[in-house]
Amino acid sequence: MKRVLAALAVVVVLASAATGVLIWRLAQHPPPKHPEISAYTDGQLVRVGPYSYCDVVNLNDCENPGTVGELAVDGRHPVQLSVPPEISGAPWLLGRKYEGSDVLEEFRPDSKLAVTIPTVDPHRGKLTAFVVQLPTIVVDQDGNEHPSWHAEWSVRTVWPQPAE
C-alpha cells in the first residue's frame, strides 16, 4: 500500500512539474494575435504577420503594424507560399510584383493553402515582392461599391548582388 501511494505521489509531482514547464514555455512564445503567412525558398523560411489588419465590418478599426517580410531569392528556386486556414477559408488575393508589371490572382474559399511563385517571369522580369490580401467591398457616401481589402501581408524579395 505504501509503495502504491509513493508511486502515485511521484506521478503527481512529475505531472505537476511537466504542466509548469509547459505553461512557462507557452508564456514565453504566445501565439500570434493575427494569422501569419509563410514563404519558403532554397532552405529559408520566413513567417510574416500582417502589414495591416482591419475589422471586416468596420474598416476604420485597423491595426497597422507595418510588418514586411524579407526573403532572399534567386532565379533557380521558386517561392512556396503557405497561408493558414484563417486566410484560405475566405476569398483571398495574391499580388505578385515583378520588375515589368504586376500579377493579381484570386482564390476561392477553401481552394488553396499553398501557391508556388516563380521568381522570374519571362515577360515581367524578376519578382520584387508579393502580398496576400483579404478582399472586401467598400460602399462610399454616394452608395458606389469599390473593391478594397481589410487585411494584407507583405514580403519583399532580395536578390543577390552581382560580383564586381
C-alpha atoms as a PDB file:
ATOM      1  CA  MET A   1       0.000   0.000   0.000  1.00  0.00           C
ATOM      2  CA  LYS A   2       2.844   2.375   0.874  1.00  0.00           C
ATOM      3  CA  ARG A   3       4.538   1.630  -2.456  1.00  0.00           C
ATOM      4  CA  VAL A   4       1.344   2.449  -4.375  1.00  0.00           C
ATOM      5  CA  LEU A   5       0.972   5.758  -2.503  1.00  0.00           C
ATOM      6  CA  ALA A   6       4.629   6.609  -3.080  1.00  0.00           C
ATOM      7  CA  ALA A   7       4.314   5.818  -6.798  1.00  0.00           C
ATOM      8  CA  LEU A   8       1.184   7.982  -7.021  1.00  0.00           C
ATOM      9  CA  ALA A   9       2.981  10.823  -5.266  1.00  0.00           C
ATOM     10  CA  VAL A  10       5.869  10.597  -7.756  1.00  0.00           C
ATOM     11  CA  VAL A  11       3.414  10.640 -10.682  1.00  0.00           C
ATOM     12  CA  VAL A  12       1.624  13.694  -9.259  1.00  0.00           C
ATOM     13  CA  VAL A  13       4.906  15.554  -8.724  1.00  0.00           C
ATOM     14  CA  LEU A  14       6.145  14.732 -12.253  1.00  0.00           C
ATOM     15  CA  ALA A  15       2.814  15.697 -13.831  1.00  0.00           C
ATOM     16  CA  SER A  16       2.778  18.986 -11.918  1.00  0.00           C
ATOM     17  CA  ALA A  17       6.339  19.765 -12.974  1.00  0.00           C
ATOM     18  CA  ALA A  18       5.571  18.949 -16.613  1.00  0.00           C
ATOM     19  CA  THR A  19       2.481  21.160 -16.515  1.00  0.00           C
ATOM     20  CA  GLY A  20       4.503  24.010 -15.017  1.00  0.00           C
ATOM     21  CA  VAL A  21       7.166  23.709 -17.727  1.00  0.00           C
ATOM     22  CA  LEU A  22       4.501  23.640 -20.452  1.00  0.00           C
ATOM     23  CA  ILE A  23       2.806  26.772 -19.095  1.00  0.00           C
ATOM     24  CA  TRP A  24       6.165  28.524 -18.816  1.00  0.00           C
ATOM     25  CA  ARG A  25       7.061  27.616 -22.437  1.00  0.00           C
ATOM     26  CA  LEU A  26       3.694  28.793 -23.762  1.00  0.00           C
ATOM     27  CA  ALA A  27       4.040  32.073 -21.888  1.00  0.00           C
ATOM     28  CA  GLN A  28       7.468  32.637 -23.494  1.00  0.00           C
ATOM     29  CA  HIS A  29       6.064  32.261 -27.030  1.00  0.00           C
ATOM     30  CA  PRO A  30       2.400  33.299 -27.084  1.00  0.00           C
ATOM     31  CA  PRO A  31       0.504  32.530 -30.286  1.00  0.00           C
ATOM     32  CA  PRO A  32       0.305  35.411 -32.783  1.00  0.00           C
ATOM     33  CA  LYS A  33      -2.646  37.783 -32.468  1.00  0.00           C
ATOM     34  CA  HIS A  34      -3.408  37.616 -36.197  1.00  0.00           C
ATOM     35  CA  PRO A  35      -2.825  34.921 -38.835  1.00  0.00           C
ATOM     36  CA  GLU A  36       0.649  34.657 -40.351  1.00  0.00           C
ATOM     37  CA  ILE A  37       1.707  33.606 -43.840  1.00  0.00           C
ATOM     38  CA  SER A  38       4.892  31.680 -44.524  1.00  0.00           C
ATOM     39  CA  ALA A  39       7.188  31.714 -47.535  1.00  0.00           C
ATOM     40  CA  TYR A  40       9.937  29.203 -48.261  1.00  0.00           C
ATOM     41  CA  THR A  41      12.703  29.039 -50.834  1.00  0.00           C
ATOM     42  CA  ASP A  42      16.068  27.302 -51.042  1.00  0.00           C
ATOM     43  CA  GLY A  43      16.265  26.340 -47.366  1.00  0.00           C
ATOM     44  CA  GLN A  44      14.915  29.621 -45.965  1.00  0.00           C
ATOM     45  CA  LEU A  45      11.580  30.088 -44.215  1.00  0.00           C
ATOM     46  CA  VAL A  46      10.026  33.398 -43.243  1.00  0.00           C
ATOM     47  CA  ARG A  47       6.806  33.760 -41.239  1.00  0.00           C
ATOM     48  CA  VAL A  48       5.091  37.121 -41.574  1.00  0.00           C
ATOM     49  CA  GLY A  49       2.340  38.802 -39.610  1.00  0.00           C
ATOM     50  CA  PRO A  50       0.040  41.332 -41.246  1.00  0.00           C
ATOM     51  CA  TYR A  51       1.173  44.655 -42.649  1.00  0.00           C
ATOM     52  CA  SER A  52      -2.339  45.926 -41.932  1.00  0.00           C
ATOM     53  CA  TYR A  53      -5.328  44.203 -40.328  1.00  0.00           C
ATOM     54  CA  CYS A  54      -8.781  45.823 -40.149  1.00  0.00           C
ATOM     55  CA  ASP A  55     -12.104  44.710 -38.760  1.00  0.00           C
ATOM     56  CA  VAL A  56     -14.043  43.404 -41.773  1.00  0.00           C
ATOM     57  CA  VAL A  57     -17.222  45.217 -40.666  1.00  0.00           C
ATOM     58  CA  ASN A  58     -15.556  48.486 -39.596  1.00  0.00           C
ATOM     59  CA  LEU A  59     -12.625  49.298 -41.891  1.00  0.00           C
ATOM     60  CA  ASN A  60     -11.784  52.286 -39.686  1.00  0.00           C
ATOM     61  CA  ASP A  61     -10.867  49.880 -36.866  1.00  0.00           C
ATOM     62  CA  CYS A  62      -7.387  48.857 -38.006  1.00  0.00           C
ATOM     63  CA  GLU A  63      -4.076  47.766 -36.633  1.00  0.00           C
ATOM     64  CA  ASN A  64      -1.142  48.782 -38.814  1.00  0.00           C
ATOM     65  CA  PRO A  65       1.988  47.032 -37.562  1.00  0.00           C
ATOM     66  CA  GLY A  66       3.667  47.592 -40.944  1.00  0.00           C
ATOM     67  CA  THR A  67       5.283  44.152 -40.896  1.00  0.00           C
ATOM     68  CA  VAL A  68       7.134  43.337 -44.123  1.00  0.00           C
ATOM     69  CA  GLY A  69       8.900  40.013 -44.504  1.00  0.00           C
ATOM     70  CA  GLU A  70      12.118  39.687 -46.434  1.00  0.00           C
ATOM     71  CA  LEU A  71      13.174  36.634 -48.414  1.00  0.00           C
ATOM     72  CA  ALA A  72      16.449  36.131 -50.322  1.00  0.00           C
ATOM     73  CA  VAL A  73      15.654  34.652 -53.739  1.00  0.00           C
ATOM     74  CA  ASP A  74      17.391  33.594 -56.926  1.00  0.00           C
ATOM     75  CA  GLY A  75      16.257  32.616 -60.409  1.00  0.00           C
ATOM     76  CA  ARG A  76      16.575  28.861 -59.815  1.00  0.00           C
ATOM     77  CA  HIS A  77      14.262  28.313 -56.834  1.00  0.00           C
ATOM     78  CA  PRO A  78      10.583  29.332 -56.758  1.00  0.00           C
ATOM     79  CA  VAL A  79       8.916  30.607 -53.597  1.00  0.00           C
ATOM     80  CA  GLN A  80       6.454  28.318 -51.836  1.00  0.00           C
ATOM     81  CA  LEU A  81       3.786  30.468 -50.185  1.00  0.00           C
ATOM     82  CA  SER A  82       1.560  28.952 -47.487  1.00  0.00           C
ATOM     83  CA  VAL A  83      -1.494  30.582 -45.957  1.00  0.00           C
ATOM     84  CA  PRO A  84      -3.310  29.336 -42.847  1.00  0.00           C
ATOM     85  CA  PRO A  85      -6.968  28.223 -42.863  1.00  0.00           C
ATOM     86  CA  GLU A  86      -7.966  31.604 -41.383  1.00  0.00           C
ATOM     87  CA  ILE A  87      -6.955  33.133 -44.720  1.00  0.00           C
ATOM     88  CA  SER A  88      -7.677  30.300 -47.158  1.00  0.00           C
ATOM     89  CA  GLY A  89     -11.184  29.809 -45.729  1.00  0.00           C
ATOM     90  CA  ALA A  90     -12.188  33.145 -47.285  1.00  0.00           C
ATOM     91  CA  PRO A  91     -11.698  34.560 -50.774  1.00  0.00           C
ATOM     92  CA  TRP A  92      -8.114  35.812 -50.902  1.00  0.00           C
ATOM     93  CA  LEU A  93      -5.805  37.562 -53.330  1.00  0.00           C
ATOM     94  CA  LEU A  94      -2.156  37.035 -54.209  1.00  0.00           C
ATOM     95  CA  GLY A  95      -0.446  40.039 -55.732  1.00  0.00           C
ATOM     96  CA  ARG A  96       2.972  39.493 -57.324  1.00  0.00           C
ATOM     97  CA  LYS A  97       5.116  42.491 -58.191  1.00  0.00           C
ATOM     98  CA  TYR A  98       7.653  41.911 -60.943  1.00  0.00           C
ATOM     99  CA  GLU A  99      10.088  44.430 -62.460  1.00  0.00           C
ATOM    100  CA  GLY A 100       7.906  44.878 -65.557  1.00  0.00           C
ATOM    101  CA  SER A 101       4.313  44.549 -64.303  1.00  0.00           C
ATOM    102  CA  ASP A 102       2.148  43.078 -61.588  1.00  0.00           C
ATOM    103  CA  VAL A 103       0.021  39.928 -61.451  1.00  0.00           C
ATOM    104  CA  LEU A 104      -3.088  39.538 -59.294  1.00  0.00           C
ATOM    105  CA  GLU A 105      -4.666  36.128 -58.650  1.00  0.00           C
ATOM    106  CA  GLU A 106      -7.895  35.492 -56.776  1.00  0.00           C
ATOM    107  CA  PHE A 107      -8.543  32.259 -54.898  1.00  0.00           C
ATOM    108  CA  ARG A 108     -11.919  30.921 -53.866  1.00  0.00           C
ATOM    109  CA  PRO A 109     -12.565  29.961 -50.236  1.00  0.00           C
ATOM    110  CA  ASP A 110     -11.047  26.621 -49.191  1.00  0.00           C
ATOM    111  CA  SER A 111      -9.384  26.118 -52.589  1.00  0.00           C
ATOM    112  CA  LYS A 112      -5.674  26.746 -51.855  1.00  0.00           C
ATOM    113  CA  LEU A 113      -3.424  26.553 -48.811  1.00  0.00           C
ATOM    114  CA  ALA A 114      -0.198  26.878 -50.829  1.00  0.00           C
ATOM    115  CA  VAL A 115       0.950  28.513 -54.060  1.00  0.00           C
ATOM    116  CA  THR A 116       4.217  28.239 -56.000  1.00  0.00           C
ATOM    117  CA  ILE A 117       5.504  31.645 -57.080  1.00  0.00           C
ATOM    118  CA  PRO A 118       8.108  31.809 -59.872  1.00  0.00           C
ATOM    119  CA  THR A 119      10.898  34.235 -59.021  1.00  0.00           C
ATOM    120  CA  VAL A 120      11.451  35.100 -62.686  1.00  0.00           C
ATOM    121  CA  ASP A 121       8.725  35.629 -65.282  1.00  0.00           C
ATOM    122  CA  PRO A 122       9.935  35.604 -68.908  1.00  0.00           C
ATOM    123  CA  HIS A 123       7.764  38.633 -69.774  1.00  0.00           C
ATOM    124  CA  ARG A 124       7.775  40.560 -66.494  1.00  0.00           C
ATOM    125  CA  GLY A 125      11.310  40.042 -65.140  1.00  0.00           C
ATOM    126  CA  LYS A 126      12.345  39.404 -61.548  1.00  0.00           C
ATOM    127  CA  LEU A 127       9.939  39.092 -58.632  1.00  0.00           C
ATOM    128  CA  THR A 128      10.410  42.086 -56.309  1.00  0.00           C
ATOM    129  CA  ALA A 129       7.598  41.498 -53.779  1.00  0.00           C
ATOM    130  CA  PHE A 130       4.305  39.721 -53.162  1.00  0.00           C
ATOM    131  CA  VAL A 131       1.272  40.378 -50.985  1.00  0.00           C
ATOM    132  CA  VAL A 132      -1.645  38.374 -49.682  1.00  0.00           C
ATOM    133  CA  GLN A 133      -4.881  40.308 -49.212  1.00  0.00           C
ATOM    134  CA  LEU A 134      -8.331  39.576 -47.862  1.00  0.00           C
ATOM    135  CA  PRO A 135     -10.752  41.497 -50.104  1.00  0.00           C
ATOM    136  CA  THR A 136     -13.906  43.319 -49.146  1.00  0.00           C
ATOM    137  CA  ILE A 137     -16.366  45.669 -50.829  1.00  0.00           C
ATOM    138  CA  VAL A 138     -16.471  49.265 -49.625  1.00  0.00           C
ATOM    139  CA  VAL A 139     -19.531  51.458 -50.165  1.00  0.00           C
ATOM    140  CA  ASP A 140     -18.781  55.181 -50.401  1.00  0.00           C
ATOM    141  CA  GLN A 141     -21.043  58.076 -49.335  1.00  0.00           C
ATOM    142  CA  ASP A 142     -22.761  58.073 -52.726  1.00  0.00           C
ATOM    143  CA  GLY A 143     -23.611  54.363 -52.472  1.00  0.00           C
ATOM    144  CA  ASN A 144     -20.968  53.293 -55.001  1.00  0.00           C
ATOM    145  CA  GLU A 145     -19.246  49.987 -54.350  1.00  0.00           C
ATOM    146  CA  HIS A 146     -15.450  49.704 -54.636  1.00  0.00           C
ATOM    147  CA  PRO A 147     -13.200  46.682 -54.126  1.00  0.00           C
ATOM    148  CA  SER A 148     -10.734  47.049 -51.294  1.00  0.00           C
ATOM    149  CA  TRP A 149      -9.072  44.796 -48.711  1.00  0.00           C
ATOM    150  CA  HIS A 150      -9.270  44.544 -44.941  1.00  0.00           C
ATOM    151  CA  ALA A 151      -6.025  42.659 -44.286  1.00  0.00           C
ATOM    152  CA  GLU A 152      -2.675  42.478 -46.040  1.00  0.00           C
ATOM    153  CA  TRP A 153       0.565  40.521 -45.591  1.00  0.00           C
ATOM    154  CA  SER A 154       3.674  41.641 -47.472  1.00  0.00           C
ATOM    155  CA  VAL A 155       7.015  40.034 -48.417  1.00  0.00           C
ATOM    156  CA  ARG A 156       9.881  41.805 -50.193  1.00  0.00           C
ATOM    157  CA  THR A 157      12.397  39.760 -52.170  1.00  0.00           C
ATOM    158  CA  VAL A 158      16.142  40.318 -52.003  1.00  0.00           C
ATOM    159  CA  TRP A 159      18.260  39.289 -54.980  1.00  0.00           C
ATOM    160  CA  PRO A 160      21.989  38.510 -54.753  1.00  0.00           C
ATOM    161  CA  GLN A 161      24.247  41.386 -55.700  1.00  0.00           C
ATOM    162  CA  PRO A 162      26.395  40.748 -58.786  1.00  0.00           C
ATOM    163  CA  ALA A 163      30.121  40.407 -58.104  1.00  0.00           C
ATOM    164  CA  GLU A 164      32.137  43.440 -59.125  1.00  0.00           C
END
